[in-house]
Amino acid sequence: MSSANTKLHHLKTMFSTQGIVWAILSWSLLALLQFMVFSSIMSYSLLLRKPAECNVIGTYIFEAIAYLAAGVLCLRNWRSPQIQEW
């Protein structure tokens, strides 16, 4: 019984507002770093008329995970007891 309570407490602290904000900030910094690193490769590749695949794939991954996280947060807010029906 106590292990179930500790697991529930761990889930609540993992999805706290502060944890979500830190995760979003970290994810945005990683995406910015990926853009800055691979944009120089892409500008070099444009001279050769060949798109940089690492930049395209990285952008798709960052975008897909961001949309997935937004969907999870929408479901989290939808199930919240603090949101009342009209």
C-alpha atoms as a PDB file:
ATOM      1  CA  MET A   1       0.000   0.000   0.000  1.00  0.00           C
ATOM      2  CA  SER A   2       2.760   2.436   0.864  1.00  0.00           C
ATOM      3  CA  SER A   3       4.624   1.679  -2.356  1.00  0.00           C
ATOM      4  CA  ALA A   4       1.531   2.695  -4.337  1.00  0.00           C
ATOM      5  CA  ASN A   5       1.409   5.984  -2.439  1.00  0.00           C
ATOM      6  CA  THR A   6       5.085   6.677  -3.123  1.00  0.00           C
ATOM      7  CA  LYS A   7       4.587   5.935  -6.828  1.00  0.00           C
ATOM      8  CA  LEU A   8       1.608   8.303  -6.949  1.00  0.00           C
ATOM      9  CA  HIS A   9       3.582  10.992  -5.128  1.00  0.00           C
ATOM     10  CA  HIS A  10       6.482  10.550  -7.569  1.00  0.00           C
ATOM     11  CA  LEU A  11       4.113  10.958 -10.543  1.00  0.00           C
ATOM     12  CA  LYS A  12       2.569  14.082  -9.042  1.00  0.00           C
ATOM     13  CA  THR A  13       5.965  15.672  -8.436  1.00  0.00           C
ATOM     14  CA  MET A  14       7.164  14.672 -11.903  1.00  0.00           C
ATOM     15  CA  PHE A  15       4.206  16.435 -13.542  1.00  0.00           C
ATOM     16  CA  SER A  16       4.295  19.490 -11.307  1.00  0.00           C
ATOM     17  CA  THR A  17       4.052  22.879 -12.946  1.00  0.00           C
ATOM     18  CA  GLN A  18       7.644  23.732 -12.139  1.00  0.00           C
ATOM     19  CA  GLY A  19       8.862  20.434 -13.610  1.00  0.00           C
ATOM     20  CA  ILE A  20       6.883  21.007 -16.788  1.00  0.00           C
ATOM     21  CA  VAL A  21       8.275  24.527 -17.182  1.00  0.00           C
ATOM     22  CA  TRP A  22      11.842  23.261 -16.724  1.00  0.00           C
ATOM     23  CA  ALA A  23      11.255  20.479 -19.251  1.00  0.00           C
ATOM     24  CA  ILE A  24       9.873  22.940 -21.815  1.00  0.00           C
ATOM     25  CA  LEU A  25      12.771  25.333 -21.301  1.00  0.00           C
ATOM     26  CA  SER A  26      15.287  22.497 -21.644  1.00  0.00           C
ATOM     27  CA  TRP A  27      13.591  21.206 -24.782  1.00  0.00           C
ATOM     28  CA  SER A  28      13.560  24.660 -26.363  1.00  0.00           C
ATOM     29  CA  LEU A  29      17.260  25.165 -25.599  1.00  0.00           C
ATOM     30  CA  LEU A  30      18.087  21.793 -27.157  1.00  0.00           C
ATOM     31  CA  ALA A  31      16.076  22.696 -30.254  1.00  0.00           C
ATOM     32  CA  LEU A  32      17.836  26.055 -30.491  1.00  0.00           C
ATOM     33  CA  LEU A  33      21.223  24.392 -30.121  1.00  0.00           C
ATOM     34  CA  GLN A  34      20.355  21.875 -32.827  1.00  0.00           C
ATOM     35  CA  PHE A  35      19.268  24.683 -35.136  1.00  0.00           C
ATOM     36  CA  MET A  36      22.413  26.724 -34.528  1.00  0.00           C
ATOM     37  CA  VAL A  37      24.776  23.791 -35.020  1.00  0.00           C
ATOM     38  CA  PHE A  38      23.174  22.380 -38.143  1.00  0.00           C
ATOM     39  CA  SER A  39      22.247  25.690 -39.774  1.00  0.00           C
ATOM     40  CA  SER A  40      25.884  26.245 -40.671  1.00  0.00           C
ATOM     41  CA  ILE A  41      25.964  22.788 -42.260  1.00  0.00           C
ATOM     42  CA  MET A  42      22.756  23.562 -44.113  1.00  0.00           C
ATOM     43  CA  SER A  43      24.047  26.864 -45.474  1.00  0.00           C
ATOM     44  CA  TYR A  44      27.114  25.032 -46.759  1.00  0.00           C
ATOM     45  CA  SER A  45      24.891  22.343 -48.280  1.00  0.00           C
ATOM     46  CA  LEU A  46      22.755  24.936 -50.056  1.00  0.00           C
ATOM     47  CA  LEU A  47      25.821  25.962 -52.005  1.00  0.00           C
ATOM     48  CA  LEU A  48      26.022  22.388 -53.228  1.00  0.00           C
ATOM     49  CA  ARG A  49      22.223  22.230 -53.835  1.00  0.00           C
ATOM     50  CA  LYS A  50      21.854  19.322 -51.403  1.00  0.00           C
ATOM     51  CA  PRO A  51      19.627  19.609 -48.302  1.00  0.00           C
ATOM     52  CA  ALA A  52      21.199  18.686 -44.983  1.00  0.00           C
ATOM     53  CA  GLU A  53      19.367  15.566 -43.867  1.00  0.00           C
ATOM     54  CA  CYS A  54      20.490  15.837 -40.257  1.00  0.00           C
ATOM     55  CA  ASN A  55      18.811  19.235 -39.929  1.00  0.00           C
ATOM     56  CA  VAL A  56      15.553  18.052 -41.471  1.00  0.00           C
ATOM     57  CA  ILE A  57      15.368  14.882 -39.376  1.00  0.00           C
ATOM     58  CA  GLY A  58      16.282  16.757 -36.192  1.00  0.00           C
ATOM     59  CA  THR A  59      13.623  19.365 -36.851  1.00  0.00           C
ATOM     60  CA  TYR A  60      10.983  16.670 -37.398  1.00  0.00           C
ATOM     61  CA  ILE A  61      11.948  14.933 -34.168  1.00  0.00           C
ATOM     62  CA  PHE A  62      11.882  18.125 -32.102  1.00  0.00           C
ATOM     63  CA  GLU A  63       8.556  19.150 -33.629  1.00  0.00           C
ATOM     64  CA  ALA A  64       6.905  15.747 -33.169  1.00  0.00           C
ATOM     65  CA  ILE A  65       7.904  15.440 -29.533  1.00  0.00           C
ATOM     66  CA  ALA A  66       6.777  19.011 -28.832  1.00  0.00           C
ATOM     67  CA  TYR A  67       3.347  18.271 -30.347  1.00  0.00           C
ATOM     68  CA  LEU A  68       3.126  15.031 -28.356  1.00  0.00           C
ATOM     69  CA  ALA A  69       3.952  16.876 -25.127  1.00  0.00           C
ATOM     70  CA  ALA A  70       1.346  19.544 -25.921  1.00  0.00           C
ATOM     71  CA  GLY A  71      -1.257  16.818 -26.446  1.00  0.00           C
ATOM     72  CA  VAL A  72      -0.360  15.166 -23.142  1.00  0.00           C
ATOM     73  CA  LEU A  73      -0.664  18.501 -21.354  1.00  0.00           C
ATOM     74  CA  CYS A  74      -4.060  19.105 -22.960  1.00  0.00           C
ATOM     75  CA  LEU A  75      -5.278  15.723 -21.731  1.00  0.00           C
ATOM     76  CA  ARG A  76      -3.823  16.443 -18.288  1.00  0.00           C
ATOM     77  CA  ASN A  77      -5.703  19.730 -18.103  1.00  0.00           C
ATOM     78  CA  TRP A  78      -8.893  18.178 -19.444  1.00  0.00           C
ATOM     79  CA  ARG A  79      -8.908  15.577 -16.663  1.00  0.00           C
ATOM     80  CA  SER A  80      -8.136  18.151 -13.971  1.00  0.00           C
ATOM     81  CA  PRO A  81     -10.813  18.543 -11.292  1.00  0.00           C
ATOM     82  CA  GLN A  82     -10.076  22.272 -11.149  1.00  0.00           C
ATOM     83  CA  ILE A  83     -11.691  22.812 -14.556  1.00  0.00           C
ATOM     84  CA  GLN A  84     -15.431  23.134 -14.104  1.00  0.00           C
ATOM     85  CA  GLU A  85     -18.178  22.638 -16.625  1.00  0.00           C
ATOM     86  CA  TRP A  86     -20.520  25.494 -17.378  1.00  0.00           C
END
